[in-house]
Amino acid sequence: MGHQDIDKEIGHLEVVFGLISTRDRFPLSYWHQRLRALLRESMMPAQRARVARLEATLRSLSAAEETTRAQRQRSSTAAQR
């Protein structure tokens, strides 16, 4: 993939990551795979920095998803008692 194509892909992911939530129809694992595919490409330092920011955003979303899942489990356990 050329540097311009990589820029387009990163730009697309930046837009999408600004819109996705833990309730999105695409699972977060899909976006993790898209980022991993980018990391296999030869990138310029600025591109790597942008991808690092995307990774941080995805980690935050994953943590929020895990917190939500744990809260739901606690709520359902409390309701069963």
N, C-alpha and C. Protein backbone atom coordinates (compact mmCIF):
# COMPACT_ATOMS: atom_id res chain seq x y z
N MET A 1 0.85 -1.17 0.00
CA MET A 1 0.00 0.00 0.00
C MET A 1 0.90 1.23 0.00
N GLY A 2 0.62 2.19 -0.85
CA GLY A 2 1.41 3.41 -0.93
C GLY A 2 1.10 4.36 0.22
N HIS A 3 1.97 5.33 0.41
CA HIS A 3 1.80 6.27 1.52
C HIS A 3 0.50 7.06 1.41
N GLN A 4 0.08 7.40 0.19
CA GLN A 4 -1.19 8.12 0.03
C GLN A 4 -2.38 7.23 0.40
N ASP A 5 -2.30 5.97 0.04
CA ASP A 5 -3.36 5.03 0.40
C ASP A 5 -3.42 4.85 1.92
N ILE A 6 -2.25 4.79 2.53
CA ILE A 6 -2.19 4.67 3.99
C ILE A 6 -2.82 5.91 4.63
N ASP A 7 -2.50 7.09 4.10
CA ASP A 7 -3.10 8.33 4.62
C ASP A 7 -4.63 8.29 4.51
N LYS A 8 -5.13 7.79 3.39
CA LYS A 8 -6.58 7.70 3.20
C LYS A 8 -7.20 6.74 4.22
N GLU A 9 -6.55 5.61 4.42
CA GLU A 9 -7.06 4.62 5.38
C GLU A 9 -7.04 5.19 6.80
N ILE A 10 -5.94 5.83 7.16
CA ILE A 10 -5.85 6.44 8.49
C ILE A 10 -6.93 7.52 8.64
N GLY A 11 -7.09 8.35 7.62
CA GLY A 11 -8.12 9.39 7.66
C GLY A 11 -9.51 8.81 7.84
N HIS A 12 -9.79 7.73 7.13
CA HIS A 12 -11.08 7.06 7.26
C HIS A 12 -11.27 6.56 8.70
N LEU A 13 -10.24 5.90 9.23
CA LEU A 13 -10.35 5.38 10.59
C LEU A 13 -10.50 6.50 11.62
N GLU A 14 -9.84 7.62 11.39
CA GLU A 14 -9.99 8.75 12.31
C GLU A 14 -11.43 9.25 12.33
N VAL A 15 -12.06 9.31 11.18
CA VAL A 15 -13.47 9.73 11.12
C VAL A 15 -14.35 8.70 11.83
N VAL A 16 -14.16 7.44 11.49
CA VAL A 16 -14.98 6.38 12.07
C VAL A 16 -14.79 6.31 13.58
N PHE A 17 -13.54 6.39 14.04
CA PHE A 17 -13.28 6.27 15.48
C PHE A 17 -13.89 7.43 16.25
N GLY A 18 -14.14 8.54 15.59
CA GLY A 18 -14.83 9.64 16.24
C GLY A 18 -16.32 9.38 16.39
N LEU A 19 -16.82 8.37 15.70
CA LEU A 19 -18.25 8.08 15.69
C LEU A 19 -18.64 6.76 16.37
N ILE A 20 -17.71 5.82 16.46
CA ILE A 20 -18.09 4.50 16.98
C ILE A 20 -18.30 4.54 18.48
N SER A 21 -19.05 3.57 18.94
CA SER A 21 -19.28 3.40 20.37
C SER A 21 -19.21 1.90 20.66
N THR A 22 -19.33 1.57 21.92
CA THR A 22 -19.29 0.15 22.29
C THR A 22 -20.54 -0.58 21.81
N ARG A 23 -21.57 0.17 21.40
CA ARG A 23 -22.81 -0.44 20.91
C ARG A 23 -22.89 -0.45 19.39
N ASP A 24 -21.80 -0.15 18.74
CA ASP A 24 -21.77 -0.10 17.28
C ASP A 24 -22.05 -1.47 16.69
N ARG A 25 -22.55 -1.51 15.46
CA ARG A 25 -22.86 -2.81 14.87
C ARG A 25 -21.60 -3.58 14.48
N PHE A 26 -20.49 -2.89 14.26
CA PHE A 26 -19.21 -3.57 14.03
C PHE A 26 -18.52 -3.75 15.38
N PRO A 27 -18.12 -4.96 15.71
CA PRO A 27 -17.45 -5.16 17.00
C PRO A 27 -16.09 -4.47 17.02
N LEU A 28 -15.63 -4.13 18.20
CA LEU A 28 -14.33 -3.47 18.32
C LEU A 28 -13.20 -4.34 17.78
N SER A 29 -13.38 -5.65 17.81
CA SER A 29 -12.35 -6.55 17.27
C SER A 29 -12.12 -6.29 15.78
N TYR A 30 -13.17 -5.90 15.06
CA TYR A 30 -13.02 -5.57 13.64
C TYR A 30 -12.07 -4.40 13.47
N TRP A 31 -12.23 -3.37 14.30
CA TRP A 31 -11.37 -2.18 14.18
C TRP A 31 -9.95 -2.49 14.63
N HIS A 32 -9.81 -3.38 15.61
CA HIS A 32 -8.46 -3.83 16.00
C HIS A 32 -7.77 -4.49 14.80
N GLN A 33 -8.50 -5.31 14.07
CA GLN A 33 -7.93 -5.99 12.90
C GLN A 33 -7.52 -4.98 11.83
N ARG A 34 -8.34 -3.96 11.62
CA ARG A 34 -8.00 -2.93 10.62
C ARG A 34 -6.71 -2.22 11.01
N LEU A 35 -6.55 -1.92 12.29
CA LEU A 35 -5.32 -1.26 12.74
C LEU A 35 -4.11 -2.18 12.60
N ARG A 36 -4.29 -3.45 12.96
CA ARG A 36 -3.17 -4.40 12.83
C ARG A 36 -2.72 -4.52 11.38
N ALA A 37 -3.66 -4.49 10.46
CA ALA A 37 -3.31 -4.55 9.03
C ALA A 37 -2.48 -3.34 8.63
N LEU A 38 -2.81 -2.18 9.16
CA LEU A 38 -2.04 -0.98 8.86
C LEU A 38 -0.62 -1.07 9.41
N LEU A 39 -0.49 -1.66 10.58
CA LEU A 39 0.83 -1.73 11.23
C LEU A 39 1.81 -2.59 10.44
N ARG A 40 1.30 -3.44 9.56
CA ARG A 40 2.18 -4.27 8.74
C ARG A 40 2.77 -3.48 7.57
N GLU A 41 2.22 -2.29 7.33
CA GLU A 41 2.68 -1.46 6.22
C GLU A 41 3.87 -0.59 6.64
N SER A 42 4.64 -0.18 5.67
CA SER A 42 5.74 0.75 5.90
C SER A 42 5.15 2.16 5.97
N MET A 43 5.31 2.81 7.13
CA MET A 43 4.70 4.11 7.33
C MET A 43 5.74 5.17 7.69
N MET A 44 5.36 6.40 7.42
CA MET A 44 6.15 7.55 7.82
C MET A 44 5.92 7.78 9.32
N PRO A 45 6.85 8.47 10.00
CA PRO A 45 6.67 8.72 11.44
C PRO A 45 5.34 9.41 11.78
N ALA A 46 4.93 10.36 10.98
CA ALA A 46 3.66 11.06 11.25
C ALA A 46 2.48 10.09 11.15
N GLN A 47 2.56 9.16 10.21
CA GLN A 47 1.49 8.17 10.07
C GLN A 47 1.48 7.24 11.27
N ARG A 48 2.66 6.83 11.72
CA ARG A 48 2.73 5.96 12.91
C ARG A 48 2.14 6.66 14.13
N ALA A 49 2.39 7.96 14.25
CA ALA A 49 1.85 8.73 15.38
C ALA A 49 0.32 8.77 15.31
N ARG A 50 -0.22 8.94 14.12
CA ARG A 50 -1.68 8.95 13.96
C ARG A 50 -2.28 7.59 14.32
N VAL A 51 -1.60 6.53 13.89
CA VAL A 51 -2.08 5.18 14.20
C VAL A 51 -1.99 4.93 15.71
N ALA A 52 -0.94 5.44 16.35
CA ALA A 52 -0.82 5.29 17.81
C ALA A 52 -1.99 5.97 18.52
N ARG A 53 -2.40 7.13 18.03
CA ARG A 53 -3.56 7.81 18.63
C ARG A 53 -4.84 6.99 18.42
N LEU A 54 -4.96 6.39 17.26
CA LEU A 54 -6.11 5.53 17.00
C LEU A 54 -6.11 4.32 17.93
N GLU A 55 -4.94 3.75 18.15
CA GLU A 55 -4.84 2.61 19.07
C GLU A 55 -5.26 3.02 20.47
N ALA A 56 -4.85 4.20 20.91
CA ALA A 56 -5.23 4.69 22.24
C ALA A 56 -6.75 4.87 22.34
N THR A 57 -7.34 5.39 21.29
CA THR A 57 -8.80 5.56 21.26
C THR A 57 -9.49 4.21 21.36
N LEU A 58 -8.99 3.25 20.62
CA LEU A 58 -9.58 1.91 20.63
C LEU A 58 -9.41 1.24 21.99
N ARG A 59 -8.27 1.44 22.63
CA ARG A 59 -8.07 0.89 23.98
C ARG A 59 -9.08 1.49 24.95
N SER A 60 -9.33 2.79 24.84
CA SER A 60 -10.32 3.44 25.71
C SER A 60 -11.71 2.86 25.48
N LEU A 61 -12.07 2.67 24.23
CA LEU A 61 -13.37 2.08 23.92
C LEU A 61 -13.47 0.65 24.44
N SER A 62 -12.40 -0.11 24.32
CA SER A 62 -12.39 -1.48 24.82
C SER A 62 -12.55 -1.51 26.33
N ALA A 63 -11.88 -0.59 27.02
CA ALA A 63 -12.00 -0.51 28.47
C ALA A 63 -13.43 -0.14 28.87
N ALA A 64 -14.04 0.79 28.14
CA ALA A 64 -15.42 1.18 28.42
C ALA A 64 -16.37 0.01 28.18
N GLU A 65 -16.11 -0.75 27.13
CA GLU A 65 -16.94 -1.92 26.84
C GLU A 65 -16.83 -2.94 27.96
N GLU A 66 -15.63 -3.17 28.44
CA GLU A 66 -15.41 -4.12 29.53
C GLU A 66 -16.11 -3.66 30.81
N THR A 67 -16.04 -2.38 31.10
CA THR A 67 -16.70 -1.82 32.28
C THR A 67 -18.21 -2.01 32.18
N THR A 68 -18.76 -1.72 31.02
CA THR A 68 -20.20 -1.88 30.80
C THR A 68 -20.61 -3.33 30.96
N ARG A 69 -19.82 -4.23 30.42
CA ARG A 69 -20.11 -5.66 30.52
C ARG A 69 -20.10 -6.11 31.98
N ALA A 70 -19.12 -5.66 32.75
CA ALA A 70 -19.02 -6.02 34.16
C ALA A 70 -20.21 -5.47 34.95
N GLN A 71 -20.62 -4.25 34.64
CA GLN A 71 -21.77 -3.66 35.33
C GLN A 71 -23.05 -4.43 35.03
N ARG A 72 -23.21 -4.86 33.78
CA ARG A 72 -24.39 -5.65 33.42
C ARG A 72 -24.41 -6.98 34.17
N GLN A 73 -23.24 -7.60 34.28
CA GLN A 73 -23.17 -8.88 34.99
C GLN A 73 -23.52 -8.70 36.46
N ARG A 74 -23.01 -7.63 37.07
CA ARG A 74 -23.33 -7.37 38.48
C ARG A 74 -24.82 -7.11 38.65
N SER A 75 -25.40 -6.36 37.72
CA SER A 75 -26.84 -6.04 37.80
C SER A 75 -27.69 -7.29 37.66
N SER A 76 -27.33 -8.16 36.73
CA SER A 76 -28.12 -9.37 36.53
C SER A 76 -27.95 -10.33 37.71
N THR A 77 -26.77 -10.37 38.30
CA THR A 77 -26.54 -11.21 39.48
C THR A 77 -27.35 -10.69 40.66
N ALA A 78 -27.38 -9.37 40.83
CA ALA A 78 -28.15 -8.77 41.93
C ALA A 78 -29.64 -9.00 41.73
N ALA A 79 -30.11 -8.97 40.51
CA ALA A 79 -31.53 -9.17 40.22
C ALA A 79 -31.96 -10.61 40.48
N GLN A 80 -31.03 -11.55 40.37
CA GLN A 80 -31.34 -12.96 40.58
C GLN A 80 -31.46 -13.30 42.06
N ARG A 81 -30.94 -12.45 42.90
CA ARG A 81 -30.96 -12.75 44.35
C ARG A 81 -32.26 -12.46 44.96
